[in-house]
PDB file of N, CA and C in Angstrom:
ATOM      1  N   UNK A   1     -12.044  -1.230 -19.644  1.00  0.00           N
ATOM      2  CA  UNK A   1     -10.697  -0.865 -20.322  1.00  0.00           C
ATOM      3  C   UNK A   1      -9.741  -0.434 -19.003  1.00  0.00           C
ATOM      4  N   UNK A   2      -8.557  -1.049 -19.034  1.00  0.00           N
ATOM      5  CA  UNK A   2      -7.691  -0.482 -18.146  1.00  0.00           C
ATOM      6  C   UNK A   2      -6.961   0.722 -18.408  1.00  0.00           C
ATOM      7  N   UNK A   3      -7.110   1.551 -17.377  1.00  0.00           N
ATOM      8  CA  UNK A   3      -6.710   2.708 -17.569  1.00  0.00           C
ATOM      9  C   UNK A   3      -4.914   2.748 -17.165  1.00  0.00           C
ATOM     10  N   UNK A   4      -3.966   3.312 -18.268  1.00  0.00           N
ATOM     11  CA  UNK A   4      -2.753   3.315 -17.834  1.00  0.00           C
ATOM     12  C   UNK A   4      -2.284   4.158 -16.411  1.00  0.00           C
ATOM     13  N   UNK A   5      -1.107   3.951 -15.705  1.00  0.00           N
ATOM     14  CA  UNK A   5      -0.798   4.275 -14.463  1.00  0.00           C
ATOM     15  C   UNK A   5      -0.853   5.836 -14.456  1.00  0.00           C
ATOM     16  N   UNK A   6      -0.262   6.559 -15.887  1.00  0.00           N
ATOM     17  CA  UNK A   6      -0.218   7.990 -15.377  1.00  0.00           C
ATOM     18  C   UNK A   6      -1.544   8.611 -15.307  1.00  0.00           C
ATOM     19  N   UNK A   7      -2.543   7.776 -16.463  1.00  0.00           N
ATOM     20  CA  UNK A   7      -3.751   8.389 -16.224  1.00  0.00           C
ATOM     21  C   UNK A   7      -4.471   8.355 -14.760  1.00  0.00           C
ATOM     22  N   UNK A   8      -4.084   7.515 -14.064  1.00  0.00           N
ATOM     23  CA  UNK A   8      -4.957   6.929 -12.821  1.00  0.00           C
ATOM     24  C   UNK A   8      -4.437   7.900 -11.939  1.00  0.00           C
ATOM     25  N   UNK A   9      -2.953   8.733 -11.994  1.00  0.00           N
ATOM     26  CA  UNK A   9      -2.001   9.120 -10.804  1.00  0.00           C
ATOM     27  C   UNK A   9      -2.660  10.760 -11.283  1.00  0.00           C
ATOM     28  N   UNK A  10      -2.933  10.899 -12.544  1.00  0.00           N
ATOM     29  CA  UNK A  10      -3.478  12.316 -12.601  1.00  0.00           C
ATOM     30  C   UNK A  10      -4.586  12.681 -12.417  1.00  0.00           C
ATOM     31  N   UNK A  11      -5.786  11.697 -11.785  1.00  0.00           N
ATOM     32  CA  UNK A  11      -6.865  11.573 -11.286  1.00  0.00           C
ATOM     33  C   UNK A  11      -6.719  11.962  -9.686  1.00  0.00           C
ATOM     34  N   UNK A  12      -5.461  11.596  -9.323  1.00  0.00           N
ATOM     35  CA  UNK A  12      -5.555  11.371  -7.811  1.00  0.00           C
ATOM     36  C   UNK A  12      -5.208  12.750  -7.079  1.00  0.00           C
ATOM     37  N   UNK A  13      -5.165  13.132  -6.091  1.00  0.00           N
ATOM     38  CA  UNK A  13      -4.562  14.162  -5.356  1.00  0.00           C
ATOM     39  C   UNK A  13      -3.272  13.890  -5.332  1.00  0.00           C
ATOM     40  N   UNK A  14      -2.361  14.542  -4.687  1.00  0.00           N
ATOM     41  CA  UNK A  14      -0.698  14.781  -4.410  1.00  0.00           C
ATOM     42  C   UNK A  14      -0.395  13.693  -3.672  1.00  0.00           C
ATOM     43  N   UNK A  15      -1.238  13.764  -2.646  1.00  0.00           N
ATOM     44  CA  UNK A  15      -1.076  12.871  -1.037  1.00  0.00           C
ATOM     45  C   UNK A  15      -1.454  11.307  -1.914  1.00  0.00           C
ATOM     46  N   UNK A  16      -2.540  11.281  -2.556  1.00  0.00           N
ATOM     47  CA  UNK A  16      -3.154   9.731  -2.782  1.00  0.00           C
ATOM     48  C   UNK A  16      -1.871   9.340  -3.761  1.00  0.00           C
ATOM     49  N   UNK A  17      -1.512  10.278  -4.833  1.00  0.00           N
ATOM     50  CA  UNK A  17      -0.296   9.762  -5.651  1.00  0.00           C
ATOM     51  C   UNK A  17       1.031   9.451  -4.945  1.00  0.00           C
ATOM     52  N   UNK A  18       1.127  10.286  -4.068  1.00  0.00           N
ATOM     53  CA  UNK A  18       2.394   9.775  -3.326  1.00  0.00           C
ATOM     54  C   UNK A  18       2.013   8.398  -2.666  1.00  0.00           C
ATOM     55  N   UNK A  19       1.075   7.850  -1.921  1.00  0.00           N
ATOM     56  CA  UNK A  19       0.827   6.646  -1.372  1.00  0.00           C
ATOM     57  C   UNK A  19       0.823   5.711  -2.732  1.00  0.00           C
ATOM     58  N   UNK A  20       0.290   6.105  -3.371  1.00  0.00           N
ATOM     59  CA  UNK A  20      -0.112   5.057  -4.477  1.00  0.00           C
ATOM     60  C   UNK A  20       1.402   4.715  -5.328  1.00  0.00           C
ATOM     61  N   UNK A  21       2.502   5.322  -5.280  1.00  0.00           N
ATOM     62  CA  UNK A  21       3.851   5.610  -5.802  1.00  0.00           C
ATOM     63  C   UNK A  21       4.676   4.754  -4.872  1.00  0.00           C
ATOM     64  N   UNK A  22       4.490   4.631  -3.528  1.00  0.00           N
ATOM     65  CA  UNK A  22       5.340   3.970  -2.511  1.00  0.00           C
ATOM     66  C   UNK A  22       4.488   2.663  -2.656  1.00  0.00           C
ATOM     67  N   UNK A  23       3.365   2.580  -2.536  1.00  0.00           N
ATOM     68  CA  UNK A  23       2.939   1.421  -2.650  1.00  0.00           C
ATOM     69  C   UNK A  23       3.575   0.415  -4.204  1.00  0.00           C
ATOM     70  N   UNK A  24       3.597   1.236  -4.695  1.00  0.00           N
ATOM     71  CA  UNK A  24       4.216   0.126  -6.172  1.00  0.00           C
ATOM     72  C   UNK A  24       5.450   0.568  -5.846  1.00  0.00           C
ATOM     73  N   UNK A  25       6.514   1.187  -5.194  1.00  0.00           N
ATOM     74  CA  UNK A  25       7.912   0.603  -4.835  1.00  0.00           C
ATOM     75  C   UNK A  25       7.788  -0.369  -3.979  1.00  0.00           C
ATOM     76  N   UNK A  26       7.009  -0.269  -2.921  1.00  0.00           N
ATOM     77  CA  UNK A  26       6.708  -1.768  -2.255  1.00  0.00           C
ATOM     78  C   UNK A  26       7.188  -3.090  -2.791  1.00  0.00           C
ATOM     79  N   UNK A  27       5.986  -3.012  -4.129  1.00  0.00           N
ATOM     80  CA  UNK A  27       5.388  -4.374  -4.670  1.00  0.00           C
ATOM     81  C   UNK A  27       6.496  -4.542  -5.102  1.00  0.00           C
ATOM     82  N   UNK A  28       7.283  -3.292  -5.694  1.00  0.00           N
ATOM     83  CA  UNK A  28       8.793  -3.968  -6.714  1.00  0.00           C
ATOM     84  C   UNK A  28       9.718  -4.095  -5.846  1.00  0.00           C
ATOM     85  N   UNK A  29       9.795  -3.868  -4.772  1.00  0.00           N
ATOM     86  CA  UNK A  29      11.184  -4.052  -3.521  1.00  0.00           C
ATOM     87  C   UNK A  29      10.674  -5.496  -3.350  1.00  0.00           C
ATOM     88  N   UNK A  30       9.372  -5.940  -3.149  1.00  0.00           N
ATOM     89  CA  UNK A  30       8.719  -7.407  -2.847  1.00  0.00           C
ATOM     90  C   UNK A  30       8.935  -8.646  -4.213  1.00  0.00           C
ATOM     91  N   UNK A  31       9.174  -7.818  -4.994  1.00  0.00           N
ATOM     92  CA  UNK A  31       8.999  -8.646  -6.414  1.00  0.00           C
ATOM     93  C   UNK A  31       7.825  -9.186  -6.454  1.00  0.00           C
ATOM     94  N   UNK A  32       6.867  -8.586  -6.207  1.00  0.00           N
ATOM     95  CA  UNK A  32       5.365  -8.971  -6.519  1.00  0.00           C
ATOM     96  C   UNK A  32       5.239  -8.351  -8.199  1.00  0.00           C
ATOM     97  N   UNK A  33       4.054  -9.485  -8.204  1.00  0.00           N
ATOM     98  CA  UNK A  33       3.457  -9.302 -10.026  1.00  0.00           C
ATOM     99  C   UNK A  33       2.374  -7.994 -10.057  1.00  0.00           C
ATOM    100  N   UNK A  34       2.102  -7.775  -8.755  1.00  0.00           N
ATOM    101  CA  UNK A  34       0.789  -6.396  -9.082  1.00  0.00           C
ATOM    102  C   UNK A  34       0.861  -5.848  -7.699  1.00  0.00           C
ATOM    103  N   UNK A  35       0.667  -4.706  -7.835  1.00  0.00           N
ATOM    104  CA  UNK A  35       0.324  -3.601  -6.687  1.00  0.00           C
ATOM    105  C   UNK A  35      -0.977  -4.056  -6.040  1.00  0.00           C
ATOM    106  N   UNK A  36      -1.292  -4.072  -4.789  1.00  0.00           N
ATOM    107  CA  UNK A  36      -2.666  -4.954  -4.238  1.00  0.00           C
ATOM    108  C   UNK A  36      -3.648  -3.659  -3.305  1.00  0.00           C
ATOM    109  N   UNK A  37      -4.315  -3.732  -3.157  1.00  0.00           N
ATOM    110  CA  UNK A  37      -5.026  -2.882  -2.028  1.00  0.00           C
ATOM    111  C   UNK A  37      -4.236  -3.450  -0.441  1.00  0.00           C
ATOM    112  N   UNK A  38      -3.259  -4.558  -0.139  1.00  0.00           N
ATOM    113  CA  UNK A  38      -2.444  -4.866   0.789  1.00  0.00           C
ATOM    114  C   UNK A  38      -1.565  -3.907   0.748  1.00  0.00           C
ATOM    115  N   UNK A  39      -1.168  -3.342  -0.489  1.00  0.00           N
ATOM    116  CA  UNK A  39       0.165  -2.612  -0.521  1.00  0.00           C
ATOM    117  C   UNK A  39       0.081  -1.474  -0.097  1.00  0.00           C
ATOM    118  N   UNK A  40      -1.079  -1.167  -0.405  1.00  0.00           N
ATOM    119  CA  UNK A  40      -1.772   0.629  -0.400  1.00  0.00           C
ATOM    120  C   UNK A  40      -1.870   0.301   1.005  1.00  0.00           C
ATOM    121  N   UNK A  41      -2.868  -0.390   2.129  1.00  0.00           N
ATOM    122  CA  UNK A  41      -2.878  -0.278   3.326  1.00  0.00           C
ATOM    123  C   UNK A  41      -1.570  -0.480   4.025  1.00  0.00           C
ATOM    124  N   UNK A  42      -0.267  -1.229   3.570  1.00  0.00           N
ATOM    125  CA  UNK A  42       0.698  -1.452   4.354  1.00  0.00           C
ATOM    126  C   UNK A  42       1.438  -0.154   4.275  1.00  0.00           C
ATOM    127  N   UNK A  43       1.100   0.833   2.976  1.00  0.00           N
ATOM    128  CA  UNK A  43       1.813   1.846   2.793  1.00  0.00           C
ATOM    129  C   UNK A  43       1.027   2.893   3.746  1.00  0.00           C
ATOM    130  N   UNK A  44      -0.011   3.154   4.088  1.00  0.00           N
ATOM    131  CA  UNK A  44      -0.940   4.118   4.744  1.00  0.00           C
ATOM    132  C   UNK A  44      -0.889   3.723   6.315  1.00  0.00           C
ATOM    133  N   UNK A  45      -0.491   2.556   6.547  1.00  0.00           N
ATOM    134  CA  UNK A  45      -0.494   2.280   8.011  1.00  0.00           C
ATOM    135  C   UNK A  45       1.389   2.639   8.394  1.00  0.00           C
ATOM    136  N   UNK A  46       2.061   2.474   7.738  1.00  0.00           N
ATOM    137  CA  UNK A  46       3.392   2.557   7.913  1.00  0.00           C
ATOM    138  C   UNK A  46       3.855   3.798   8.450  1.00  0.00           C
ATOM    139  N   UNK A  47       3.167   4.845   7.342  1.00  0.00           N
ATOM    140  CA  UNK A  47       3.801   6.139   7.443  1.00  0.00           C
ATOM    141  C   UNK A  47       3.334   6.977   8.425  1.00  0.00           C
ATOM    142  N   UNK A  48       4.226   7.918   9.067  1.00  0.00           N
ATOM    143  CA  UNK A  48       3.549   8.353  10.545  1.00  0.00           C
ATOM    144  C   UNK A  48       2.387   9.252  10.201  1.00  0.00           C
ATOM    145  N   UNK A  49       2.616   9.568   9.370  1.00  0.00           N
ATOM    146  CA  UNK A  49       1.425  10.807   8.722  1.00  0.00           C
ATOM    147  C   UNK A  49       0.212   9.893   8.100  1.00  0.00           C
ATOM    148  N   UNK A  50      -0.122   8.475   7.936  1.00  0.00           N
ATOM    149  CA  UNK A  50      -1.037   8.100   7.334  1.00  0.00           C
ATOM    150  C   UNK A  50      -2.169   8.047   8.075  1.00  0.00           C
ATOM    151  N   UNK A  51      -3.106   8.301   6.619  1.00  0.00           N
ATOM    152  CA  UNK A  51      -4.513   7.556   7.230  1.00  0.00           C
ATOM    153  C   UNK A  51      -4.914   6.733   8.033  1.00  0.00           C
ATOM    154  N   UNK A  52      -4.315   5.729   7.872  1.00  0.00           N
ATOM    155  CA  UNK A  52      -4.625   4.228   8.749  1.00  0.00           C
ATOM    156  C   UNK A  52      -3.902   4.217   9.875  1.00  0.00           C
ATOM    157  N   UNK A  53      -2.768   5.149   9.799  1.00  0.00           N
ATOM    158  CA  UNK A  53      -2.227   4.762  11.348  1.00  0.00           C
ATOM    159  C   UNK A  53      -2.685   5.629  12.195  1.00  0.00           C
ATOM    160  N   UNK A  54      -3.053   7.093  11.660  1.00  0.00           N
ATOM    161  CA  UNK A  54      -4.201   8.261  12.256  1.00  0.00           C
ATOM    162  C   UNK A  54      -5.410   7.016  13.146  1.00  0.00           C
ATOM    163  N   UNK A  55      -6.117   6.541  11.778  1.00  0.00           N
ATOM    164  CA  UNK A  55      -7.391   5.992  12.409  1.00  0.00           C
ATOM    165  C   UNK A  55      -7.125   4.611  13.115  1.00  0.00           C
ATOM    166  N   UNK A  56      -6.255   4.167  13.374  1.00  0.00           N
ATOM    167  CA  UNK A  56      -5.364   3.110  14.069  1.00  0.00           C
ATOM    168  C   UNK A  56      -5.327   4.065  15.806  1.00  0.00           C
ATOM    169  N   UNK A  57      -4.537   4.857  15.609  1.00  0.00           N
ATOM    170  CA  UNK A  57      -4.570   5.683  17.041  1.00  0.00           C
ATOM    171  C   UNK A  57      -5.392   6.418  17.764  1.00  0.00           C
ATOM    172  N   UNK A  58      -6.638   6.651  16.964  1.00  0.00           N
ATOM    173  CA  UNK A  58      -8.106   7.586  17.263  1.00  0.00           C
ATOM    174  C   UNK A  58      -9.029   6.497  17.553  1.00  0.00           C
ATOM    175  N   UNK A  59      -8.715   5.120  17.176  1.00  0.00           N
ATOM    176  CA  UNK A  59     -10.088   4.263  17.376  1.00  0.00           C
ATOM    177  C   UNK A  59     -10.351   3.633  18.347  1.00  0.00           C
ATOM    178  N   UNK A  60      -9.153   3.829  19.449  1.00  0.00           N
ATOM    179  CA  UNK A  60      -9.529   3.242  20.706  1.00  0.00           C
ATOM    180  C   UNK A  60      -8.334   4.373  21.310  1.00  0.00           C
ATOM    181  N   UNK A  61      -8.939   5.891  21.553  1.00  0.00           N
ATOM    182  CA  UNK A  61      -8.060   6.886  22.286  1.00  0.00           C
ATOM    183  C   UNK A  61      -7.771   6.657  23.657  1.00  0.00           C
ATOM    184  N   UNK A  62      -8.294   5.762  24.461  1.00  0.00           N
ATOM    185  CA  UNK A  62      -8.142   5.660  25.657  1.00  0.00           C
ATOM    186  C   UNK A  62      -7.245   4.595  25.895  1.00  0.00           C
ATOM    187  N   UNK A  63      -7.273   3.762  24.891  1.00  0.00           N
ATOM    188  CA  UNK A  63      -6.105   2.609  25.525  1.00  0.00           C
ATOM    189  C   UNK A  63      -5.334   2.408  24.233  1.00  0.00           C
ATOM    190  N   UNK A  64      -4.995   3.282  23.226  1.00  0.00           N
ATOM    191  CA  UNK A  64      -4.495   2.948  22.517  1.00  0.00           C
ATOM    192  C   UNK A  64      -3.014   3.126  23.066  1.00  0.00           C
ATOM    193  N   UNK A  65      -2.261   2.089  22.338  1.00  0.00           N
ATOM    194  CA  UNK A  65      -0.531   1.972  22.881  1.00  0.00           C
ATOM    195  C   UNK A  65       0.186   1.879  21.485  1.00  0.00           C
ATOM    196  N   UNK A  66       1.122   2.686  21.509  1.00  0.00           N
ATOM    197  CA  UNK A  66       1.865   2.741  20.183  1.00  0.00           C
ATOM    198  C   UNK A  66       2.177   1.152  19.572  1.00  0.00           C
ATOM    199  N   UNK A  67       2.380   0.373  20.529  1.00  0.00           N
ATOM    200  CA  UNK A  67       2.490  -0.919  19.477  1.00  0.00           C
ATOM    201  C   UNK A  67       1.599  -1.211  19.128  1.00  0.00           C
ATOM    202  N   UNK A  68       0.000  -1.208  19.337  1.00  0.00           N
ATOM    203  CA  UNK A  68      -1.067  -1.839  18.921  1.00  0.00           C
ATOM    204  C   UNK A  68      -0.746  -1.319  17.178  1.00  0.00           C
ATOM    205  N   UNK A  69      -0.040  -0.644  16.873  1.00  0.00           N
ATOM    206  CA  UNK A  69      -0.277   0.105  15.418  1.00  0.00           C
ATOM    207  C   UNK A  69       0.874  -0.651  15.107  1.00  0.00           C
ATOM    208  N   UNK A  70       1.870  -0.904  15.534  1.00  0.00           N
ATOM    209  CA  UNK A  70       2.960  -1.937  15.417  1.00  0.00           C
ATOM    210  C   UNK A  70       2.679  -3.187  15.103  1.00  0.00           C
ATOM    211  N   UNK A  71       2.310  -3.828  16.016  1.00  0.00           N
ATOM    212  CA  UNK A  71       1.578  -5.087  15.679  1.00  0.00           C
ATOM    213  C   UNK A  71       1.181  -5.212  14.313  1.00  0.00           C
ATOM    214  N   UNK A  72       0.034  -4.376  14.025  1.00  0.00           N
ATOM    215  CA  UNK A  72      -1.014  -4.203  13.138  1.00  0.00           C
ATOM    216  C   UNK A  72       0.295  -4.613  11.605  1.00  0.00           C
ATOM    217  N   UNK A  73       1.194  -3.366  11.627  1.00  0.00           N
ATOM    218  CA  UNK A  73       1.955  -3.019  10.450  1.00  0.00           C
ATOM    219  C   UNK A  73       2.748  -4.656  10.189  1.00  0.00           C
ATOM    220  N   UNK A  74       2.891  -5.158  11.952  1.00  0.00           N
ATOM    221  CA  UNK A  74       3.927  -6.695  11.401  1.00  0.00           C
ATOM    222  C   UNK A  74       2.579  -7.612  10.861  1.00  0.00           C
ATOM    223  N   UNK A  75       1.562  -7.335  10.891  1.00  0.00           N
ATOM    224  CA  UNK A  75       0.243  -8.418  10.259  1.00  0.00           C
ATOM    225  C   UNK A  75       0.599  -8.182   9.148  1.00  0.00           C
ATOM    226  N   UNK A  76       0.641  -6.712   8.529  1.00  0.00           N
ATOM    227  CA  UNK A  76       0.644  -6.445   7.074  1.00  0.00           C
ATOM    228  C   UNK A  76       1.603  -6.775   6.500  1.00  0.00           C
ATOM    229  N   UNK A  77       3.163  -6.737   7.020  1.00  0.00           N
ATOM    230  CA  UNK A  77       3.950  -7.713   6.707  1.00  0.00           C
ATOM    231  C   UNK A  77       3.858  -8.727   6.617  1.00  0.00           C
ATOM    232  N   UNK A  78       3.463  -9.873   7.331  1.00  0.00           N
ATOM    233  CA  UNK A  78       3.547 -10.914   7.619  1.00  0.00           C
ATOM    234  C   UNK A  78       2.683 -11.180   5.800  1.00  0.00           C
ATOM    235  N   UNK A  79       1.437 -10.983   5.798  1.00  0.00           N
ATOM    236  CA  UNK A  79       0.756 -10.852   4.676  1.00  0.00           C
ATOM    237  C   UNK A  79       1.153 -10.439   3.144  1.00  0.00           C
ATOM    238  N   UNK A  80       1.991  -9.833   3.487  1.00  0.00           N
ATOM    239  CA  UNK A  80       2.592  -9.549   2.111  1.00  0.00           C
ATOM    240  C   UNK A  80       3.721 -10.045   1.724  1.00  0.00           C
ATOM    241  N   UNK A  81       4.421 -10.942   2.669  1.00  0.00           N
ATOM    242  CA  UNK A  81       5.575 -11.982   2.510  1.00  0.00           C
ATOM    243  C   UNK A  81       4.625 -13.183   1.829  1.00  0.00           C
ATOM    244  N   UNK A  82       3.462 -13.181   2.259  1.00  0.00           N
ATOM    245  CA  UNK A  82       2.779 -14.584   1.605  1.00  0.00           C
ATOM    246  C   UNK A  82       2.000 -14.649   0.087  1.00  0.00           C
ATOM    247  N   UNK A  83       2.376 -13.379  -0.264  1.00  0.00           N
ATOM    248  CA  UNK A  83       2.031 -12.994  -1.476  1.00  0.00           C
ATOM    249  C   UNK A  83       3.088 -13.262  -2.648  1.00  0.00           C
ATOM    250  N   UNK A  84       2.508 -13.802  -3.285  1.00  0.00           N
ATOM    251  CA  UNK A  84       3.617 -14.574  -4.853  1.00  0.00           C
ATOM    252  C   UNK A  84       4.464 -13.549  -5.500  1.00  0.00           C
ATOM    253  N   UNK A  85       5.733 -13.922  -5.517  1.00  0.00           N
ATOM    254  CA  UNK A  85       6.556 -13.218  -5.932  1.00  0.00           C
ATOM    255  C   UNK A  85       6.901 -13.603  -7.615  1.00  0.00           C
ATOM    256  N   UNK A  86       7.460 -12.848  -8.155  1.00  0.00           N
ATOM    257  CA  UNK A  86       7.403 -12.955 -10.085  1.00  0.00           C
ATOM    258  C   UNK A  86       9.129 -12.938  -9.769  1.00  0.00           C
ATOM    259  N   UNK A  87       9.572 -13.871 -10.854  1.00  0.00           N
ATOM    260  CA  UNK A  87      10.798 -14.188 -11.154  1.00  0.00           C
ATOM    261  C   UNK A  87      11.542 -13.281 -12.014  1.00  0.00           C
ATOM    262  N   UNK A  88      10.867 -12.361 -12.460  1.00  0.00           N
ATOM    263  CA  UNK A  88      11.400 -11.244 -13.484  1.00  0.00           C
ATOM    264  C   UNK A  88      12.604 -10.214 -12.925  1.00  0.00           C
ATOM    265  N   UNK A  89      13.272  -9.779 -13.819  1.00  0.00           N
ATOM    266  CA  UNK A  89      13.973  -8.562 -13.056  1.00  0.00           C
ATOM    267  C   UNK A  89      13.849  -7.641 -13.309  1.00  0.00           C
ATOM    268  N   UNK A  90      12.746  -6.785 -14.403  1.00  0.00           N
ATOM    269  CA  UNK A  90      12.379  -5.895 -14.815  1.00  0.00           C
ATOM    270  C   UNK A  90      10.823  -5.751 -14.046  1.00  0.00           C
ATOM    271  N   UNK A  91      10.919  -5.175 -13.329  1.00  0.00           N
ATOM    272  CA  UNK A  91       9.505  -5.002 -12.446  1.00  0.00           C
ATOM    273  C   UNK A  91       9.194  -3.308 -12.353  1.00  0.00           C
ATOM    274  N   UNK A  92      10.132  -2.635 -13.323  1.00  0.00           N
ATOM    275  CA  UNK A  92       9.753  -1.130 -12.910  1.00  0.00           C
ATOM    276  C   UNK A  92       8.408  -0.602 -13.337  1.00  0.00           C
ATOM    277  N   UNK A  93       7.382  -1.548 -14.050  1.00  0.00           N
ATOM    278  CA  UNK A  93       6.175  -0.816 -14.379  1.00  0.00           C
ATOM    279  C   UNK A  93       5.304  -1.982 -14.076  1.00  0.00           C
ATOM    280  N   UNK A  94       4.974  -2.142 -12.660  1.00  0.00           N
ATOM    281  CA  UNK A  94       4.196  -3.181 -11.943  1.00  0.00           C
ATOM    282  C   UNK A  94       2.714  -3.076 -12.230  1.00  0.00           C
ATOM    283  N   UNK A  95       1.842  -3.698 -13.177  1.00  0.00           N
ATOM    284  CA  UNK A  95       0.543  -3.405 -12.803  1.00  0.00           C
ATOM    285  C   UNK A  95      -0.162  -3.583 -11.839  1.00  0.00           C
ATOM    286  N   UNK A  96      -1.074  -2.530 -11.855  1.00  0.00           N
ATOM    287  CA  UNK A  96      -1.979  -2.392 -10.604  1.00  0.00           C
ATOM    288  C   UNK A  96      -3.234  -3.516 -10.886  1.00  0.00           C
ATOM    289  N   UNK A  97      -3.612  -3.938  -9.493  1.00  0.00           N
ATOM    290  CA  UNK A  97      -4.564  -4.803  -9.410  1.00  0.00           C
ATOM    291  C   UNK A  97      -5.742  -4.270  -9.728  1.00  0.00           C
ATOM    292  N   UNK A  98      -6.637  -5.084 -10.175  1.00  0.00           N
ATOM    293  CA  UNK A  98      -7.979  -4.215 -10.651  1.00  0.00           C
ATOM    294  C   UNK A  98      -8.595  -3.412  -9.222  1.00  0.00           C
ATOM    295  N   UNK A  99      -8.293  -3.830  -8.333  1.00  0.00           N
ATOM    296  CA  UNK A  99      -9.235  -3.267  -6.728  1.00  0.00           C
ATOM    297  C   UNK A  99      -8.456  -2.043  -6.693  1.00  0.00           C
ATOM    298  N   UNK A 100      -7.583  -2.040  -7.331  1.00  0.00           N
ATOM    299  CA  UNK A 100      -6.510  -0.322  -6.911  1.00  0.00           C
ATOM    300  C   UNK A 100      -6.860   0.520  -8.011  1.00  0.00           C
ATOM    301  N   UNK A 101      -7.810   0.215  -8.959  1.00  0.00           N
ATOM    302  CA  UNK A 101      -8.032   1.279 -10.211  1.00  0.00           C
ATOM    303  C   UNK A 101      -9.185   1.962  -9.650  1.00  0.00           C
ATOM    304  N   UNK A 102      -9.170   3.161 -10.204  1.00  0.00           N
ATOM    305  CA  UNK A 102     -10.311   4.051  -9.674  1.00  0.00           C
ATOM    306  C   UNK A 102     -11.419   3.655 -10.599  1.00  0.00           C
ATOM    307  N   UNK A 103     -12.517   3.627  -9.869  1.00  0.00           N
ATOM    308  CA  UNK A 103     -13.696   2.933 -10.845  1.00  0.00           C
ATOM    309  C   UNK A 103     -14.687   4.444 -11.219  1.00  0.00           C
TER     310      UNK A 103
END
């Protein structure tokens, strides 16, 4: 049984709920029918304080260049552009992809 968004958000830390809300907003902005792990990863990477960005920078501390994270951001953006879009105008309550649900 799928939990609704409010139930999911209540189980998350404030930081995780913020990331999820930003991911949902990104999916809505792009007219995607679902919020997917790709949306979440892109959100984590695009945030200057995001965990994925920090991991990217720390993964190669001696050779890390600011453009490496930007290049990865662009790859995520291209992948998001390739996702199918919805034609409905009411995407305020996008369903979460099953992979995003807490288990």
